[in-house]
Amino acid sequence: MSTLQRNGHSSQPSSIKKVKYYTTRALITVVLLIMLAACSSQEEPVTLKMALLPIMDTLPMYVAQEQGYFAEEGIVVEIHLTLLPS
């Protein structure tokens, strides 16, 4: 066990923790929106607008759109690139 872990501090830098935190939140949000759309009795598709950073963490959203996973669930996805993580 390293000195940092024994003292109660994580060995990962805080920037990595933030990326993991926000990626997890984004994925949970998408999953919940898909579940909500599946419970919907509407015939018209649901439109989901996502503002994504051009980084590797957002790659699953592009793959899901390219493979048609959102379309299978009746979700129209509009991906907008952003350079500000807010």
Protein backbone atom coordinates (compact mmCIF):
# COMPACT_ATOMS: atom_id res chain seq x y z
CA MET A 1 0.00 0.00 0.00
CA SER A 2 1.44 3.35 -0.96
CA THR A 3 2.00 6.24 1.45
CA LEU A 4 -0.78 8.26 -0.16
CA GLN A 5 -3.31 5.46 0.23
CA ARG A 6 -2.34 4.85 3.87
CA ASN A 7 -2.92 8.51 4.69
CA GLY A 8 -6.43 8.39 3.30
CA HIS A 9 -5.64 10.17 0.03
CA SER A 10 -6.27 8.66 -3.35
CA SER A 11 -3.36 7.96 -5.63
CA GLN A 12 -5.29 9.30 -8.68
CA PRO A 13 -5.05 12.97 -9.60
CA SER A 14 -8.22 14.95 -9.10
CA SER A 15 -8.55 15.65 -12.84
CA ILE A 16 -8.92 11.92 -13.54
CA LYS A 17 -11.53 11.65 -10.80
CA LYS A 18 -13.46 14.54 -12.34
CA VAL A 19 -13.41 12.94 -15.78
CA LYS A 20 -14.63 9.63 -14.35
CA TYR A 21 -17.31 11.43 -12.32
CA TYR A 22 -18.68 13.42 -15.24
CA THR A 23 -18.48 10.49 -17.66
CA THR A 24 -20.41 8.33 -15.23
CA ARG A 25 -23.03 11.04 -14.78
CA ALA A 26 -23.40 11.46 -18.54
CA LEU A 27 -23.81 7.73 -19.13
CA ILE A 28 -26.34 7.40 -16.32
CA THR A 29 -28.30 10.33 -17.77
CA VAL A 30 -28.36 8.77 -21.23
CA VAL A 31 -29.45 5.40 -19.85
CA LEU A 32 -32.22 7.02 -17.83
CA LEU A 33 -33.41 8.99 -20.85
CA ILE A 34 -33.50 5.82 -22.94
CA MET A 35 -35.48 4.07 -20.22
CA LEU A 36 -37.86 7.01 -20.03
CA ALA A 37 -38.33 6.96 -23.80
CA ALA A 38 -39.03 3.22 -23.69
CA CYS A 39 -41.80 3.79 -21.14
CA SER A 40 -43.37 6.46 -23.30
CA SER A 41 -46.54 5.67 -25.22
CA GLN A 42 -45.87 8.37 -27.79
CA GLU A 43 -45.68 7.41 -31.44
CA GLU A 44 -43.37 10.28 -32.34
CA PRO A 45 -39.64 9.94 -31.72
CA VAL A 46 -37.96 11.62 -28.79
CA THR A 47 -35.24 14.15 -29.65
CA LEU A 48 -32.16 14.22 -27.46
CA LYS A 49 -29.70 17.09 -27.90
CA MET A 50 -26.22 16.42 -26.56
CA ALA A 51 -23.34 18.88 -26.31
CA LEU A 52 -20.19 16.79 -26.29
CA LEU A 53 -16.54 17.62 -25.89
CA PRO A 54 -14.29 16.31 -28.67
CA ILE A 55 -12.51 13.86 -26.36
CA MET A 56 -12.28 10.06 -26.16
CA ASP A 57 -14.73 9.85 -23.24
CA THR A 58 -17.61 10.81 -25.54
CA LEU A 59 -16.78 8.16 -28.14
CA PRO A 60 -19.53 5.74 -26.92
CA MET A 61 -22.18 8.32 -27.83
CA TYR A 62 -20.87 8.54 -31.40
CA VAL A 63 -20.64 4.75 -31.69
CA ALA A 64 -24.19 4.31 -30.36
CA GLN A 65 -25.49 6.80 -32.89
CA GLU A 66 -23.49 5.28 -35.76
CA GLN A 67 -24.62 1.73 -34.90
CA GLY A 68 -28.26 2.87 -34.69
CA TYR A 69 -28.81 2.07 -31.01
CA PHE A 70 -30.64 5.33 -30.38
CA ALA A 71 -32.80 4.91 -33.50
CA GLU A 72 -33.81 1.39 -32.36
CA GLU A 73 -35.26 2.98 -29.24
CA GLY A 74 -37.01 5.75 -31.15
CA ILE A 75 -34.59 8.46 -30.07
CA VAL A 76 -33.36 11.11 -32.50
CA VAL A 77 -29.96 12.33 -31.33
CA GLU A 78 -28.51 15.71 -32.22
CA ILE A 79 -24.83 15.89 -31.27
CA HIS A 80 -23.30 19.34 -30.97
CA LEU A 81 -19.58 19.78 -30.34
CA THR A 82 -18.57 22.15 -27.58
CA LEU A 83 -15.20 23.26 -26.28
CA LEU A 84 -16.47 24.30 -22.82
CA PRO A 85 -17.11 21.55 -20.25
CA SER A 86 -20.15 23.10 -18.62
